[in-house]
Amino acid sequence: MSLDAKETDALIQAVRDTAKAEIVPRFRGLAGTDVDAKGAPDDLVTVADRASEIAITAAVAGILPSARIVGEEAVAEDISLLDGVGKPGQTVVIDPIDGTWNYANGLATYGVILSVVEDGETVFGLLYDPSGDDWIVAYRGGGAWFVRPDRDAIPLSVSRPGTDLGTSFGFVGLYLYNKPGQAKIAETLPRFRRTVSLRCSCHEYRLLAQGRSDFMLNGMLNVWDHAAGVLALEEAGGVARLLDGRPYAPAMREGLLLNAASEPLWDRLAETWAGLTQL
């Protein structure tokens, strides 16, 4: 990884500063005119999303001046920005508020996600919780860590010794699939102990990387939702692949992503959902 500790610390601090200035003060204080719908009625963007992306983008430009910057809200205006993710060089990907529907509706399950992709591979990932001012950070080849200010960082390691679906807990958002896909997936859900959707990739990946959940099936490959979280999960010992067996890459835009806490569990889950690869 070409990033050094000074640069990664600066990226983390930029996200913390932005959350303190732009995100937390607006939480549970948004007016109706502060919230807009994008592609669907529940696909929301707020003034806080836009302000925080502008602030983080400016900070990243100062920290990594040669990097391309791909923000979720910028992509909504110019989808061609996504083409840079798989190109040689360095790309910083920003999700200024992940879980915007939750944020806009006063639920504290939201976060900020930032990742650095070098030559098509994620090398740094940050999953930040503004409400708690704590974060999970992952470095390619350097592990995943849970960090709180003024405390020692805690190394993360997932462990799932068995493959019993009846005792497993995971994340499945049916709303991410077409209607036939929803029906097929729904048929399998009674096999599990518990399946939920937090509507927030940041916190779903945080729980996965901390070993507090077992799996995630996701049908939408937005790079800002997954690049940092996949790195954290893999550095903690978990497995992330597309359901058809291909390794995940940040430049991917289509496919079903299956994450699991162990290789045997991933295999069992892939067998359970084997017919879903074309949905």
C-alpha atoms as a PDB file:
ATOM      1  CA  MET A   1       0.000   0.000   0.000  1.00  0.00           C
ATOM      2  CA  SER A   2       1.444   3.348  -1.015  1.00  0.00           C
ATOM      3  CA  LEU A   3      -0.494   5.258   1.662  1.00  0.00           C
ATOM      4  CA  ASP A   4       1.449   6.105   4.795  1.00  0.00           C
ATOM      5  CA  ALA A   5       0.190   6.450   8.376  1.00  0.00           C
ATOM      6  CA  LYS A   6       0.153  10.243   8.183  1.00  0.00           C
ATOM      7  CA  GLU A   7      -2.158  10.126   5.164  1.00  0.00           C
ATOM      8  CA  THR A   8      -4.548   7.526   6.584  1.00  0.00           C
ATOM      9  CA  ASP A   9      -4.722   9.400   9.897  1.00  0.00           C
ATOM     10  CA  ALA A  10      -5.515  12.586   7.980  1.00  0.00           C
ATOM     11  CA  LEU A  11      -8.309  10.854   6.045  1.00  0.00           C
ATOM     12  CA  ILE A  12      -9.840   9.573   9.273  1.00  0.00           C
ATOM     13  CA  GLN A  13      -9.623  13.006  10.874  1.00  0.00           C
ATOM     14  CA  ALA A  14     -11.194  14.641   7.820  1.00  0.00           C
ATOM     15  CA  VAL A  15     -14.204  12.336   8.124  1.00  0.00           C
ATOM     16  CA  ARG A  16     -14.484  12.981  11.869  1.00  0.00           C
ATOM     17  CA  ASP A  17     -14.263  16.746  11.403  1.00  0.00           C
ATOM     18  CA  THR A  18     -16.856  16.709   8.643  1.00  0.00           C
ATOM     19  CA  ALA A  19     -19.274  14.611  10.667  1.00  0.00           C
ATOM     20  CA  LYS A  20     -18.938  16.993  13.597  1.00  0.00           C
ATOM     21  CA  ALA A  21     -19.525  20.048  11.412  1.00  0.00           C
ATOM     22  CA  GLU A  22     -22.043  18.881   8.796  1.00  0.00           C
ATOM     23  CA  ILE A  23     -23.760  15.639   9.820  1.00  0.00           C
ATOM     24  CA  VAL A  24     -24.325  15.407  13.567  1.00  0.00           C
ATOM     25  CA  PRO A  25     -25.702  18.965  14.015  1.00  0.00           C
ATOM     26  CA  ARG A  26     -28.395  18.296  11.395  1.00  0.00           C
ATOM     27  CA  PHE A  27     -29.431  14.892  12.763  1.00  0.00           C
ATOM     28  CA  ARG A  28     -33.112  14.922  13.801  1.00  0.00           C
ATOM     29  CA  GLY A  29     -33.272  18.573  12.767  1.00  0.00           C
ATOM     30  CA  LEU A  30     -33.928  18.324   9.033  1.00  0.00           C
ATOM     31  CA  ALA A  31     -36.773  20.295   7.525  1.00  0.00           C
ATOM     32  CA  GLY A  32     -38.902  18.825   4.762  1.00  0.00           C
ATOM     33  CA  THR A  33     -37.093  20.957   2.216  1.00  0.00           C
ATOM     34  CA  ASP A  34     -33.757  19.492   3.350  1.00  0.00           C
ATOM     35  CA  VAL A  35     -34.609  16.032   1.996  1.00  0.00           C
ATOM     36  CA  ASP A  36     -35.037  14.968  -1.647  1.00  0.00           C
ATOM     37  CA  ALA A  37     -35.745  11.647  -3.356  1.00  0.00           C
ATOM     38  CA  LYS A  38     -33.417  10.417  -6.086  1.00  0.00           C
ATOM     39  CA  GLY A  39     -34.257   7.339  -8.183  1.00  0.00           C
ATOM     40  CA  ALA A  40     -36.990   5.988  -5.893  1.00  0.00           C
ATOM     41  CA  PRO A  41     -39.225   7.438  -3.151  1.00  0.00           C
ATOM     42  CA  ASP A  42     -37.083   5.818  -0.421  1.00  0.00           C
ATOM     43  CA  ASP A  43     -33.734   6.609  -2.091  1.00  0.00           C
ATOM     44  CA  LEU A  44     -33.064   9.856  -0.278  1.00  0.00           C
ATOM     45  CA  VAL A  45     -30.451  12.580  -0.287  1.00  0.00           C
ATOM     46  CA  THR A  46     -30.251  15.382   2.274  1.00  0.00           C
ATOM     47  CA  VAL A  47     -28.467  18.685   2.601  1.00  0.00           C
ATOM     48  CA  ALA A  48     -26.137  16.887   5.015  1.00  0.00           C
ATOM     49  CA  ASP A  49     -25.162  14.312   2.363  1.00  0.00           C
ATOM     50  CA  ARG A  50     -24.276  17.046  -0.091  1.00  0.00           C
ATOM     51  CA  ALA A  51     -22.457  19.249   2.404  1.00  0.00           C
ATOM     52  CA  SER A  52     -20.433  16.393   3.856  1.00  0.00           C
ATOM     53  CA  GLU A  53     -19.398  15.099   0.430  1.00  0.00           C
ATOM     54  CA  ILE A  54     -18.209  18.561  -0.559  1.00  0.00           C
ATOM     55  CA  ALA A  55     -16.208  18.898   2.669  1.00  0.00           C
ATOM     56  CA  ILE A  56     -14.646  15.429   2.529  1.00  0.00           C
ATOM     57  CA  THR A  57     -13.839  15.831  -1.163  1.00  0.00           C
ATOM     58  CA  ALA A  58     -11.999  19.080  -0.457  1.00  0.00           C
ATOM     59  CA  ALA A  59     -10.069  17.503   2.402  1.00  0.00           C
ATOM     60  CA  VAL A  60      -9.100  14.443   0.343  1.00  0.00           C
ATOM     61  CA  ALA A  61      -7.867  16.664  -2.467  1.00  0.00           C
ATOM     62  CA  GLY A  62      -5.480  18.269  -0.026  1.00  0.00           C
ATOM     63  CA  ILE A  63      -4.293  14.977   1.479  1.00  0.00           C
ATOM     64  CA  LEU A  64      -3.979  12.963  -1.751  1.00  0.00           C
ATOM     65  CA  PRO A  65      -3.776  15.558  -4.524  1.00  0.00           C
ATOM     66  CA  SER A  66      -3.109  13.056  -7.306  1.00  0.00           C
ATOM     67  CA  ALA A  67      -6.044  10.766  -6.459  1.00  0.00           C
ATOM     68  CA  ARG A  68      -9.302  10.585  -8.358  1.00  0.00           C
ATOM     69  CA  ILE A  69     -12.290  11.186  -6.079  1.00  0.00           C
ATOM     70  CA  VAL A  70     -15.578   9.330  -6.544  1.00  0.00           C
ATOM     71  CA  GLY A  71     -18.425  10.445  -4.290  1.00  0.00           C
ATOM     72  CA  GLU A  72     -21.887   8.926  -4.284  1.00  0.00           C
ATOM     73  CA  GLU A  73     -23.622  12.249  -4.854  1.00  0.00           C
ATOM     74  CA  ALA A  74     -21.181  13.264  -7.578  1.00  0.00           C
ATOM     75  CA  VAL A  75     -21.857   9.967  -9.363  1.00  0.00           C
ATOM     76  CA  ALA A  76     -25.590  10.729  -9.212  1.00  0.00           C
ATOM     77  CA  GLU A  77     -24.788  13.755 -11.386  1.00  0.00           C
ATOM     78  CA  ASP A  78     -22.103  12.098 -13.573  1.00  0.00           C
ATOM     79  CA  ILE A  79     -22.052   8.296 -13.678  1.00  0.00           C
ATOM     80  CA  SER A  80     -18.902   8.281 -15.813  1.00  0.00           C
ATOM     81  CA  LEU A  81     -16.930   9.012 -12.630  1.00  0.00           C
ATOM     82  CA  LEU A  82     -17.297   5.321 -11.805  1.00  0.00           C
ATOM     83  CA  ASP A  83     -15.036   4.450 -14.729  1.00  0.00           C
ATOM     84  CA  GLY A  84     -12.058   5.654 -12.726  1.00  0.00           C
ATOM     85  CA  VAL A  85     -12.428   3.039  -9.994  1.00  0.00           C
ATOM     86  CA  GLY A  86     -10.832   0.233 -11.994  1.00  0.00           C
ATOM     87  CA  LYS A  87      -8.152   2.320 -13.676  1.00  0.00           C
ATOM     88  CA  PRO A  88      -4.463   2.413 -12.712  1.00  0.00           C
ATOM     89  CA  GLY A  89      -3.601   4.847  -9.962  1.00  0.00           C
ATOM     90  CA  GLN A  90      -5.371   5.888  -6.799  1.00  0.00           C
ATOM     91  CA  THR A  91      -9.088   6.514  -6.326  1.00  0.00           C
ATOM     92  CA  VAL A  92     -10.800   7.636  -3.130  1.00  0.00           C
ATOM     93  CA  VAL A  93     -14.436   6.551  -2.843  1.00  0.00           C
ATOM     94  CA  ILE A  94     -16.768   8.460  -0.516  1.00  0.00           C
ATOM     95  CA  ASP A  95     -20.208   7.653   0.830  1.00  0.00           C
ATOM     96  CA  PRO A  96     -20.924  10.887   2.730  1.00  0.00           C
ATOM     97  CA  ILE A  97     -23.859   9.410   4.640  1.00  0.00           C
ATOM     98  CA  ASP A  98     -24.557   5.723   4.306  1.00  0.00           C
ATOM     99  CA  GLY A  99     -28.033   4.858   5.525  1.00  0.00           C
ATOM    100  CA  THR A 100     -29.538   8.186   4.461  1.00  0.00           C
ATOM    101  CA  TRP A 101     -33.113   6.898   4.864  1.00  0.00           C
ATOM    102  CA  ASN A 102     -32.334   6.093   8.499  1.00  0.00           C
ATOM    103  CA  TYR A 103     -30.597   9.428   9.017  1.00  0.00           C
ATOM    104  CA  ALA A 104     -33.444  11.398   7.453  1.00  0.00           C
ATOM    105  CA  ASN A 105     -35.961   9.577   9.634  1.00  0.00           C
ATOM    106  CA  GLY A 106     -34.107  10.078  12.903  1.00  0.00           C
ATOM    107  CA  LEU A 107     -32.599   6.608  13.262  1.00  0.00           C
ATOM    108  CA  ALA A 108     -28.983   6.567  14.456  1.00  0.00           C
ATOM    109  CA  THR A 109     -28.014   3.640  12.210  1.00  0.00           C
ATOM    110  CA  TYR A 110     -26.026   5.601   9.664  1.00  0.00           C
ATOM    111  CA  GLY A 111     -22.361   6.221   8.954  1.00  0.00           C
ATOM    112  CA  VAL A 112     -19.683   7.535   6.655  1.00  0.00           C
ATOM    113  CA  ILE A 113     -17.708   5.157   4.433  1.00  0.00           C
ATOM    114  CA  LEU A 114     -14.418   5.987   2.771  1.00  0.00           C
ATOM    115  CA  SER A 115     -12.117   3.706   0.820  1.00  0.00           C
ATOM    116  CA  VAL A 116      -8.910   4.062  -1.145  1.00  0.00           C
ATOM    117  CA  VAL A 117      -8.582   1.922  -4.266  1.00  0.00           C
ATOM    118  CA  GLU A 118      -5.165   1.504  -5.888  1.00  0.00           C
ATOM    119  CA  ASP A 119      -4.904  -0.086  -9.334  1.00  0.00           C
ATOM    120  CA  GLY A 120      -8.368  -1.585  -8.918  1.00  0.00           C
ATOM    121  CA  GLU A 121      -7.801  -3.054  -5.430  1.00  0.00           C
ATOM    122  CA  THR A 122      -9.035  -1.635  -2.130  1.00  0.00           C
ATOM    123  CA  VAL A 123      -6.077  -0.887   0.146  1.00  0.00           C
ATOM    124  CA  PHE A 124      -7.731   1.197   2.864  1.00  0.00           C
ATOM    125  CA  GLY A 125     -11.228   1.239   4.273  1.00  0.00           C
ATOM    126  CA  LEU A 126     -13.012   3.309   6.913  1.00  0.00           C
ATOM    127  CA  LEU A 127     -16.449   2.627   8.424  1.00  0.00           C
ATOM    128  CA  TYR A 128     -17.224   5.587  10.683  1.00  0.00           C
ATOM    129  CA  ASP A 129     -20.123   6.046  13.124  1.00  0.00           C
ATOM    130  CA  PRO A 130     -20.730   9.779  13.681  1.00  0.00           C
ATOM    131  CA  SER A 131     -23.095   9.262  16.621  1.00  0.00           C
ATOM    132  CA  GLY A 132     -20.537   7.245  18.579  1.00  0.00           C
ATOM    133  CA  ASP A 133     -17.416   8.873  17.124  1.00  0.00           C
ATOM    134  CA  ASP A 134     -15.826   5.455  16.639  1.00  0.00           C
ATOM    135  CA  TRP A 135     -14.749   3.551  13.583  1.00  0.00           C
ATOM    136  CA  ILE A 136     -13.524   0.377  11.981  1.00  0.00           C
ATOM    137  CA  VAL A 137     -10.451   0.805   9.839  1.00  0.00           C
ATOM    138  CA  ALA A 138      -8.837  -1.787   7.571  1.00  0.00           C
ATOM    139  CA  TYR A 139      -5.516  -1.893   5.750  1.00  0.00           C
ATOM    140  CA  ARG A 140      -4.663  -4.312   2.939  1.00  0.00           C
ATOM    141  CA  GLY A 141      -2.355  -6.827   4.630  1.00  0.00           C
ATOM    142  CA  GLY A 142      -2.506  -4.881   7.899  1.00  0.00           C
ATOM    143  CA  GLY A 143      -5.660  -6.156   9.564  1.00  0.00           C
ATOM    144  CA  ALA A 144      -8.955  -4.611  10.626  1.00  0.00           C
ATOM    145  CA  TRP A 145      -9.339  -2.635  13.834  1.00  0.00           C
ATOM    146  CA  PHE A 146     -12.063  -1.138  16.004  1.00  0.00           C
ATOM    147  CA  VAL A 147     -11.018   2.301  17.201  1.00  0.00           C
ATOM    148  CA  ARG A 148     -12.344   4.714  19.803  1.00  0.00           C
ATOM    149  CA  PRO A 149     -10.656   8.024  20.601  1.00  0.00           C
ATOM    150  CA  ASP A 150      -8.033   7.898  23.328  1.00  0.00           C
ATOM    151  CA  ARG A 151      -8.211   4.107  23.654  1.00  0.00           C
ATOM    152  CA  ASP A 152      -6.125   1.283  22.265  1.00  0.00           C
ATOM    153  CA  ALA A 153      -7.295  -0.034  18.897  1.00  0.00           C
ATOM    154  CA  ILE A 154      -8.842  -3.517  19.075  1.00  0.00           C
ATOM    155  CA  PRO A 155      -7.847  -6.027  16.361  1.00  0.00           C
ATOM    156  CA  LEU A 156     -10.819  -7.747  14.743  1.00  0.00           C
ATOM    157  CA  SER A 157     -11.135 -11.442  13.978  1.00  0.00           C
ATOM    158  CA  VAL A 158     -14.288 -13.231  12.884  1.00  0.00           C
ATOM    159  CA  SER A 159     -14.966 -16.830  13.799  1.00  0.00           C
ATOM    160  CA  ARG A 160     -17.752 -19.107  12.604  1.00  0.00           C
ATOM    161  CA  PRO A 161     -16.847 -22.707  13.434  1.00  0.00           C
ATOM    162  CA  GLY A 162     -20.014 -24.324  12.094  1.00  0.00           C
ATOM    163  CA  THR A 163     -22.294 -24.209   9.073  1.00  0.00           C
ATOM    164  CA  ASP A 164     -25.662 -24.631  10.786  1.00  0.00           C
ATOM    165  CA  LEU A 165     -27.975 -22.161   9.074  1.00  0.00           C
ATOM    166  CA  GLY A 166     -30.499 -22.573  11.866  1.00  0.00           C
ATOM    167  CA  THR A 167     -28.201 -20.778  14.312  1.00  0.00           C
ATOM    168  CA  SER A 168     -26.919 -18.103  11.954  1.00  0.00           C
ATOM    169  CA  PHE A 169     -27.772 -14.407  11.844  1.00  0.00           C
ATOM    170  CA  GLY A 170     -27.319 -12.298   8.745  1.00  0.00           C
ATOM    171  CA  PHE A 171     -28.375  -9.403   6.575  1.00  0.00           C
ATOM    172  CA  VAL A 172     -30.688  -9.777   3.581  1.00  0.00           C
ATOM    173  CA  GLY A 173     -32.401  -6.726   2.104  1.00  0.00           C
ATOM    174  CA  LEU A 174     -35.203  -8.068  -0.067  1.00  0.00           C
ATOM    175  CA  TYR A 175     -35.865  -4.598  -1.469  1.00  0.00           C
ATOM    176  CA  LEU A 176     -32.571  -4.840  -3.403  1.00  0.00           C
ATOM    177  CA  TYR A 177     -33.943  -7.553  -5.748  1.00  0.00           C
ATOM    178  CA  ASN A 178     -36.568  -7.798  -8.436  1.00  0.00           C
ATOM    179  CA  LYS A 179     -39.914  -9.351  -7.514  1.00  0.00           C
ATOM    180  CA  PRO A 180     -39.074 -12.906  -8.682  1.00  0.00           C
ATOM    181  CA  GLY A 181     -35.791 -12.676  -6.785  1.00  0.00           C
ATOM    182  CA  GLN A 182     -37.542 -11.487  -3.639  1.00  0.00           C
ATOM    183  CA  ALA A 183     -39.881 -14.476  -3.771  1.00  0.00           C
ATOM    184  CA  LYS A 184     -37.047 -16.993  -4.242  1.00  0.00           C
ATOM    185  CA  ILE A 185     -34.948 -15.526  -1.443  1.00  0.00           C
ATOM    186  CA  ALA A 186     -37.924 -15.237   0.902  1.00  0.00           C
ATOM    187  CA  GLU A 187     -38.525 -18.976   0.573  1.00  0.00           C
ATOM    188  CA  THR A 188     -35.108 -19.637   2.134  1.00  0.00           C
ATOM    189  CA  LEU A 189     -35.284 -17.219   5.064  1.00  0.00           C
ATOM    190  CA  PRO A 190     -37.040 -19.589   7.519  1.00  0.00           C
ATOM    191  CA  ARG A 191     -33.886 -21.755   7.421  1.00  0.00           C
ATOM    192  CA  PHE A 192     -31.983 -19.097   9.367  1.00  0.00           C
ATOM    193  CA  ARG A 193     -32.126 -18.040  12.992  1.00  0.00           C
ATOM    194  CA  ARG A 194     -32.540 -14.390  12.048  1.00  0.00           C
ATOM    195  CA  THR A 195     -32.320 -12.241   8.917  1.00  0.00           C
ATOM    196  CA  VAL A 196     -32.737  -8.479   8.930  1.00  0.00           C
ATOM    197  CA  SER A 197     -31.747  -5.398   6.941  1.00  0.00           C
ATOM    198  CA  LEU A 198     -30.333  -2.326   8.649  1.00  0.00           C
ATOM    199  CA  ARG A 199     -30.584  -0.286   5.422  1.00  0.00           C
ATOM    200  CA  CYS A 200     -27.005   0.731   6.159  1.00  0.00           C
ATOM    201  CA  SER A 201     -24.005  -1.099   4.704  1.00  0.00           C
ATOM    202  CA  CYS A 202     -21.686   0.716   7.103  1.00  0.00           C
ATOM    203  CA  HIS A 203     -23.208  -0.885  10.191  1.00  0.00           C
ATOM    204  CA  GLU A 204     -23.876  -4.229   8.552  1.00  0.00           C
ATOM    205  CA  TYR A 205     -20.188  -4.512   7.667  1.00  0.00           C
ATOM    206  CA  ARG A 206     -19.151  -3.275  11.103  1.00  0.00           C
ATOM    207  CA  LEU A 207     -21.116  -6.102  12.713  1.00  0.00           C
ATOM    208  CA  LEU A 208     -19.722  -8.655  10.248  1.00  0.00           C
ATOM    209  CA  ALA A 209     -16.126  -7.586  10.844  1.00  0.00           C
ATOM    210  CA  GLN A 210     -16.619  -7.712  14.601  1.00  0.00           C
ATOM    211  CA  GLY A 211     -17.972 -11.260  14.454  1.00  0.00           C
ATOM    212  CA  ARG A 212     -21.421 -10.196  15.645  1.00  0.00           C
ATOM    213  CA  SER A 213     -23.228 -11.459  12.559  1.00  0.00           C
ATOM    214  CA  ASP A 214     -22.550 -14.316  10.175  1.00  0.00           C
ATOM    215  CA  PHE A 215     -23.380 -13.315   6.618  1.00  0.00           C
ATOM    216  CA  MET A 216     -24.699 -10.748   4.170  1.00  0.00           C
ATOM    217  CA  LEU A 217     -26.335 -11.217   0.774  1.00  0.00           C
ATOM    218  CA  ASN A 218     -26.440  -8.032  -1.276  1.00  0.00           C
ATOM    219  CA  GLY A 219     -27.859  -7.472  -4.741  1.00  0.00           C
ATOM    220  CA  MET A 220     -26.515  -3.981  -5.431  1.00  0.00           C
ATOM    221  CA  LEU A 221     -22.779  -3.446  -6.010  1.00  0.00           C
ATOM    222  CA  ASN A 222     -22.348   0.271  -5.425  1.00  0.00           C
ATOM    223  CA  VAL A 223     -18.629   0.652  -4.768  1.00  0.00           C
ATOM    224  CA  TRP A 224     -19.197   3.162  -1.947  1.00  0.00           C
ATOM    225  CA  ASP A 225     -21.267   0.556  -0.093  1.00  0.00           C
ATOM    226  CA  HIS A 226     -18.831  -2.351  -0.332  1.00  0.00           C
ATOM    227  CA  ALA A 227     -15.169  -1.540  -1.011  1.00  0.00           C
ATOM    228  CA  ALA A 228     -14.284  -0.585   2.561  1.00  0.00           C
ATOM    229  CA  GLY A 229     -16.507  -3.196   4.184  1.00  0.00           C
ATOM    230  CA  VAL A 230     -15.246  -6.102   2.094  1.00  0.00           C
ATOM    231  CA  LEU A 231     -11.672  -5.171   2.980  1.00  0.00           C
ATOM    232  CA  ALA A 232     -12.535  -5.029   6.693  1.00  0.00           C
ATOM    233  CA  LEU A 233     -14.285  -8.398   6.554  1.00  0.00           C
ATOM    234  CA  GLU A 234     -11.457 -10.091   4.660  1.00  0.00           C
ATOM    235  CA  GLU A 235      -8.775  -8.613   6.916  1.00  0.00           C
ATOM    236  CA  ALA A 236     -10.756  -9.932   9.899  1.00  0.00           C
ATOM    237  CA  GLY A 237     -10.709 -13.422   8.372  1.00  0.00           C
ATOM    238  CA  GLY A 238     -14.050 -13.513   6.581  1.00  0.00           C
ATOM    239  CA  VAL A 239     -14.926 -14.321   2.972  1.00  0.00           C
ATOM    240  CA  ALA A 240     -16.417 -12.052   0.292  1.00  0.00           C
ATOM    241  CA  ARG A 241     -17.210 -13.304  -3.200  1.00  0.00           C
ATOM    242  CA  LEU A 242     -19.892 -12.931  -5.776  1.00  0.00           C
ATOM    243  CA  LEU A 243     -22.416 -15.716  -5.556  1.00  0.00           C
ATOM    244  CA  ASP A 244     -21.077 -17.222  -8.786  1.00  0.00           C
ATOM    245  CA  GLY A 245     -17.654 -17.615  -7.143  1.00  0.00           C
ATOM    246  CA  ARG A 246     -15.810 -14.648  -8.623  1.00  0.00           C
ATOM    247  CA  PRO A 247     -13.712 -12.591  -6.199  1.00  0.00           C
ATOM    248  CA  TYR A 248     -15.128  -9.162  -5.426  1.00  0.00           C
ATOM    249  CA  ALA A 249     -13.475  -6.166  -7.082  1.00  0.00           C
ATOM    250  CA  PRO A 250     -14.402  -2.503  -6.516  1.00  0.00           C
ATOM    251  CA  ALA A 251     -14.994  -1.872 -10.238  1.00  0.00           C
ATOM    252  CA  MET A 252     -17.797  -4.464 -10.386  1.00  0.00           C
ATOM    253  CA  ARG A 253     -21.269  -3.057 -10.907  1.00  0.00           C
ATOM    254  CA  GLU A 254     -23.462  -6.144 -11.336  1.00  0.00           C
ATOM    255  CA  GLY A 255     -23.869  -9.421  -9.484  1.00  0.00           C
ATOM    256  CA  LEU A 256     -24.882 -10.769  -6.106  1.00  0.00           C
ATOM    257  CA  LEU A 257     -22.311 -10.332  -3.344  1.00  0.00           C
ATOM    258  CA  LEU A 258     -22.195 -12.984  -0.629  1.00  0.00           C
ATOM    259  CA  ASN A 259     -20.170 -12.286   2.518  1.00  0.00           C
ATOM    260  CA  ALA A 260     -19.626 -14.848   5.259  1.00  0.00           C
ATOM    261  CA  ALA A 261     -17.643 -15.304   8.449  1.00  0.00           C
ATOM    262  CA  SER A 262     -15.885 -18.447   7.209  1.00  0.00           C
ATOM    263  CA  GLU A 263     -15.168 -20.444   4.071  1.00  0.00           C
ATOM    264  CA  PRO A 264     -17.352 -23.431   5.084  1.00  0.00           C
ATOM    265  CA  LEU A 265     -20.275 -21.143   5.883  1.00  0.00           C
ATOM    266  CA  TRP A 266     -19.835 -19.292   2.578  1.00  0.00           C
ATOM    267  CA  ASP A 267     -19.980 -22.620   0.735  1.00  0.00           C
ATOM    268  CA  ARG A 268     -23.149 -23.625   2.582  1.00  0.00           C
ATOM    269  CA  LEU A 269     -24.804 -20.293   1.842  1.00  0.00           C
ATOM    270  CA  ALA A 270     -23.751 -20.403  -1.816  1.00  0.00           C
ATOM    271  CA  GLU A 271     -25.365 -23.840  -2.099  1.00  0.00           C
ATOM    272  CA  THR A 272     -28.553 -22.492  -0.498  1.00  0.00           C
ATOM    273  CA  TRP A 273     -28.783 -19.607  -2.963  1.00  0.00           C
ATOM    274  CA  ALA A 274     -27.206 -21.272  -6.000  1.00  0.00           C
ATOM    275  CA  GLY A 275     -30.103 -20.470  -8.333  1.00  0.00           C
ATOM    276  CA  LEU A 276     -29.972 -16.724  -7.729  1.00  0.00           C
ATOM    277  CA  THR A 277     -26.940 -15.780  -9.811  1.00  0.00           C
ATOM    278  CA  GLN A 278     -28.942 -14.518 -12.777  1.00  0.00           C
ATOM    279  CA  LEU A 279     -31.364 -12.304 -10.846  1.00  0.00           C
END
